[in-house]
């Protein structure tokens, strides 16, 4: 328990005491409170629209340019984060086009798709 919670508990029992006195007494007695660090979770629930599952986990194609996949991968290069967004042909696994950016944002994907349409 932290010294704040101990102070509240003592006050609930009817004893008037300052939280700094409780902290000082804990130091004299060698008592320490363990503060658990909350684990970081980036998941924020359902966000935006979910696209229909057209591939149904069938990631093989019988001819070129039949199925493409897009991914964004984070790389750490000399202490700087870079984000690679390639378009992969699922027929042979070759990268058709890619975009490299210092931020994983929608603009990176749209620039990559515009370049793909030009190609």
C-alpha atoms as a PDB file:
ATOM      1  CA  UNK A   1       0.000   0.000   0.000  1.00  0.00           C
ATOM      2  CA  UNK A   2       1.160   3.537  -0.675  1.00  0.00           C
ATOM      3  CA  UNK A   3       1.522   6.031   2.124  1.00  0.00           C
ATOM      4  CA  UNK A   4      -1.496   7.919   0.753  1.00  0.00           C
ATOM      5  CA  UNK A   5      -3.726   4.872   1.190  1.00  0.00           C
ATOM      6  CA  UNK A   6      -2.306   4.181   4.653  1.00  0.00           C
ATOM      7  CA  UNK A   7      -2.972   7.826   5.616  1.00  0.00           C
ATOM      8  CA  UNK A   8      -6.592   7.501   4.422  1.00  0.00           C
ATOM      9  CA  UNK A   9      -7.005   4.263   6.383  1.00  0.00           C
ATOM     10  CA  UNK A  10      -5.652   5.856   9.595  1.00  0.00           C
ATOM     11  CA  UNK A  11      -7.915   8.899   9.114  1.00  0.00           C
ATOM     12  CA  UNK A  12     -10.926   6.587   8.683  1.00  0.00           C
ATOM     13  CA  UNK A  13     -10.067   5.091  12.088  1.00  0.00           C
ATOM     14  CA  UNK A  14     -10.401   8.601  13.567  1.00  0.00           C
ATOM     15  CA  UNK A  15      -6.725   9.463  14.008  1.00  0.00           C
ATOM     16  CA  UNK A  16      -5.645  12.797  12.559  1.00  0.00           C
ATOM     17  CA  UNK A  17      -2.256  12.433  10.859  1.00  0.00           C
ATOM     18  CA  UNK A  18      -0.367  14.122   8.018  1.00  0.00           C
ATOM     19  CA  UNK A  19       0.607  12.011   4.994  1.00  0.00           C
ATOM     20  CA  UNK A  20       4.215  13.238   5.304  1.00  0.00           C
ATOM     21  CA  UNK A  21       4.352  11.833   8.863  1.00  0.00           C
ATOM     22  CA  UNK A  22       3.180   8.466   7.529  1.00  0.00           C
ATOM     23  CA  UNK A  23       5.833   8.603   4.809  1.00  0.00           C
ATOM     24  CA  UNK A  24       8.553   9.457   7.363  1.00  0.00           C
ATOM     25  CA  UNK A  25       7.439   6.599   9.668  1.00  0.00           C
ATOM     26  CA  UNK A  26       7.471   4.167   6.739  1.00  0.00           C
ATOM     27  CA  UNK A  27      11.052   5.191   5.929  1.00  0.00           C
ATOM     28  CA  UNK A  28      12.125   4.708   9.576  1.00  0.00           C
ATOM     29  CA  UNK A  29      10.514   1.244   9.644  1.00  0.00           C
ATOM     30  CA  UNK A  30      11.974   0.337   6.243  1.00  0.00           C
ATOM     31  CA  UNK A  31       8.549  -0.100   4.610  1.00  0.00           C
ATOM     32  CA  UNK A  32       8.204   0.533   0.888  1.00  0.00           C
ATOM     33  CA  UNK A  33       5.173   0.444  -1.315  1.00  0.00           C
ATOM     34  CA  UNK A  34       5.362  -1.406  -4.603  1.00  0.00           C
ATOM     35  CA  UNK A  35       3.882   0.557  -7.463  1.00  0.00           C
ATOM     36  CA  UNK A  36       2.955  -1.616 -10.403  1.00  0.00           C
ATOM     37  CA  UNK A  37       3.576  -0.045 -13.769  1.00  0.00           C
ATOM     38  CA  UNK A  38       0.624  -0.440 -16.120  1.00  0.00           C
ATOM     39  CA  UNK A  39       1.443  -2.446 -19.200  1.00  0.00           C
ATOM     40  CA  UNK A  40       1.079  -0.457 -22.428  1.00  0.00           C
ATOM     41  CA  UNK A  41      -1.755  -1.636 -24.648  1.00  0.00           C
ATOM     42  CA  UNK A  42      -2.211   0.054 -27.996  1.00  0.00           C
ATOM     43  CA  UNK A  43      -5.497  -1.696 -28.834  1.00  0.00           C
ATOM     44  CA  UNK A  44      -8.328   0.831 -28.711  1.00  0.00           C
ATOM     45  CA  UNK A  45     -11.189  -1.416 -29.766  1.00  0.00           C
ATOM     46  CA  UNK A  46     -13.032  -1.400 -33.061  1.00  0.00           C
ATOM     47  CA  UNK A  47     -11.870   1.613 -35.045  1.00  0.00           C
ATOM     48  CA  UNK A  48     -13.282   2.550 -38.422  1.00  0.00           C
ATOM     49  CA  UNK A  49     -14.916   0.206 -40.883  1.00  0.00           C
ATOM     50  CA  UNK A  50     -13.914  -3.435 -41.229  1.00  0.00           C
ATOM     51  CA  UNK A  51     -13.409  -4.570 -44.817  1.00  0.00           C
ATOM     52  CA  UNK A  52     -15.084  -7.806 -45.912  1.00  0.00           C
ATOM     53  CA  UNK A  53     -12.899 -10.929 -45.794  1.00  0.00           C
ATOM     54  CA  UNK A  54     -12.691 -11.589 -49.523  1.00  0.00           C
ATOM     55  CA  UNK A  55      -9.627 -13.870 -49.448  1.00  0.00           C
ATOM     56  CA  UNK A  56     -10.944 -16.139 -46.650  1.00  0.00           C
ATOM     57  CA  UNK A  57      -7.276 -16.817 -45.667  1.00  0.00           C
ATOM     58  CA  UNK A  58      -6.538 -18.217 -49.145  1.00  0.00           C
ATOM     59  CA  UNK A  59      -3.236 -16.427 -49.808  1.00  0.00           C
ATOM     60  CA  UNK A  60      -2.331 -18.318 -52.995  1.00  0.00           C
ATOM     61  CA  UNK A  61      -3.015 -17.058 -56.518  1.00  0.00           C
ATOM     62  CA  UNK A  62      -3.035 -19.168 -59.697  1.00  0.00           C
ATOM     63  CA  UNK A  63      -1.880 -16.325 -61.971  1.00  0.00           C
ATOM     64  CA  UNK A  64       0.078 -13.072 -61.592  1.00  0.00           C
ATOM     65  CA  UNK A  65      -1.770  -9.869 -60.557  1.00  0.00           C
ATOM     66  CA  UNK A  66      -4.785 -11.847 -59.360  1.00  0.00           C
ATOM     67  CA  UNK A  67      -4.282 -11.179 -55.633  1.00  0.00           C
ATOM     68  CA  UNK A  68      -2.232  -8.455 -53.994  1.00  0.00           C
ATOM     69  CA  UNK A  69      -1.500  -7.845 -50.328  1.00  0.00           C
ATOM     70  CA  UNK A  70      -0.436  -4.640 -48.571  1.00  0.00           C
ATOM     71  CA  UNK A  71       1.388  -4.458 -45.260  1.00  0.00           C
ATOM     72  CA  UNK A  72       3.151  -1.823 -43.151  1.00  0.00           C
ATOM     73  CA  UNK A  73       6.293  -2.970 -41.331  1.00  0.00           C
ATOM     74  CA  UNK A  74       8.328  -0.962 -38.809  1.00  0.00           C
ATOM     75  CA  UNK A  75      12.131  -1.004 -38.997  1.00  0.00           C
ATOM     76  CA  UNK A  76      14.632   0.559 -36.616  1.00  0.00           C
ATOM     77  CA  UNK A  77      17.530   1.996 -38.641  1.00  0.00           C
ATOM     78  CA  UNK A  78      20.297   3.721 -36.639  1.00  0.00           C
ATOM     79  CA  UNK A  79      17.867   4.637 -33.869  1.00  0.00           C
ATOM     80  CA  UNK A  80      15.265   6.041 -36.275  1.00  0.00           C
ATOM     81  CA  UNK A  81      11.981   4.277 -37.020  1.00  0.00           C
ATOM     82  CA  UNK A  82      11.094   3.777 -40.686  1.00  0.00           C
ATOM     83  CA  UNK A  83       7.926   2.249 -42.092  1.00  0.00           C
ATOM     84  CA  UNK A  84       7.887   0.115 -45.233  1.00  0.00           C
ATOM     85  CA  UNK A  85       4.614  -0.389 -47.091  1.00  0.00           C
ATOM     86  CA  UNK A  86       4.950  -2.870 -49.986  1.00  0.00           C
ATOM     87  CA  UNK A  87       2.398  -4.335 -52.391  1.00  0.00           C
ATOM     88  CA  UNK A  88       3.076  -8.066 -52.686  1.00  0.00           C
ATOM     89  CA  UNK A  89       1.800 -10.263 -55.505  1.00  0.00           C
ATOM     90  CA  UNK A  90       0.456 -13.415 -53.832  1.00  0.00           C
ATOM     91  CA  UNK A  91       1.198 -15.460 -56.965  1.00  0.00           C
ATOM     92  CA  UNK A  92       4.987 -15.458 -56.507  1.00  0.00           C
ATOM     93  CA  UNK A  93       5.574 -13.320 -53.396  1.00  0.00           C
ATOM     94  CA  UNK A  94       7.394 -10.579 -55.313  1.00  0.00           C
ATOM     95  CA  UNK A  95       7.138  -6.947 -54.261  1.00  0.00           C
ATOM     96  CA  UNK A  96       5.472  -4.980 -57.039  1.00  0.00           C
ATOM     97  CA  UNK A  97       5.961  -1.522 -55.516  1.00  0.00           C
ATOM     98  CA  UNK A  98       6.768  -0.075 -52.090  1.00  0.00           C
ATOM     99  CA  UNK A  99       6.733   3.194 -50.171  1.00  0.00           C
ATOM    100  CA  UNK A 100       9.143   4.121 -47.362  1.00  0.00           C
ATOM    101  CA  UNK A 101       8.112   6.703 -44.760  1.00  0.00           C
ATOM    102  CA  UNK A 102       9.059   7.993 -41.314  1.00  0.00           C
ATOM    103  CA  UNK A 103       5.412   7.744 -40.168  1.00  0.00           C
ATOM    104  CA  UNK A 104       2.819   4.984 -40.705  1.00  0.00           C
ATOM    105  CA  UNK A 105      -0.077   7.097 -41.932  1.00  0.00           C
ATOM    106  CA  UNK A 106      -2.797   6.997 -44.552  1.00  0.00           C
ATOM    107  CA  UNK A 107      -0.818   9.307 -46.835  1.00  0.00           C
ATOM    108  CA  UNK A 108       1.939   6.689 -47.130  1.00  0.00           C
ATOM    109  CA  UNK A 109      -0.551   4.071 -48.338  1.00  0.00           C
ATOM    110  CA  UNK A 110      -2.334   6.438 -50.753  1.00  0.00           C
ATOM    111  CA  UNK A 111       1.004   7.561 -52.280  1.00  0.00           C
ATOM    112  CA  UNK A 112       1.969   3.925 -52.736  1.00  0.00           C
ATOM    113  CA  UNK A 113      -1.359   3.072 -54.387  1.00  0.00           C
ATOM    114  CA  UNK A 114      -1.134   6.109 -56.695  1.00  0.00           C
ATOM    115  CA  UNK A 115       2.354   4.982 -57.775  1.00  0.00           C
ATOM    116  CA  UNK A 116       0.982   1.493 -58.320  1.00  0.00           C
ATOM    117  CA  UNK A 117      -1.788   2.773 -60.600  1.00  0.00           C
ATOM    118  CA  UNK A 118       0.754   4.744 -62.650  1.00  0.00           C
ATOM    119  CA  UNK A 119       2.875   1.597 -62.995  1.00  0.00           C
END
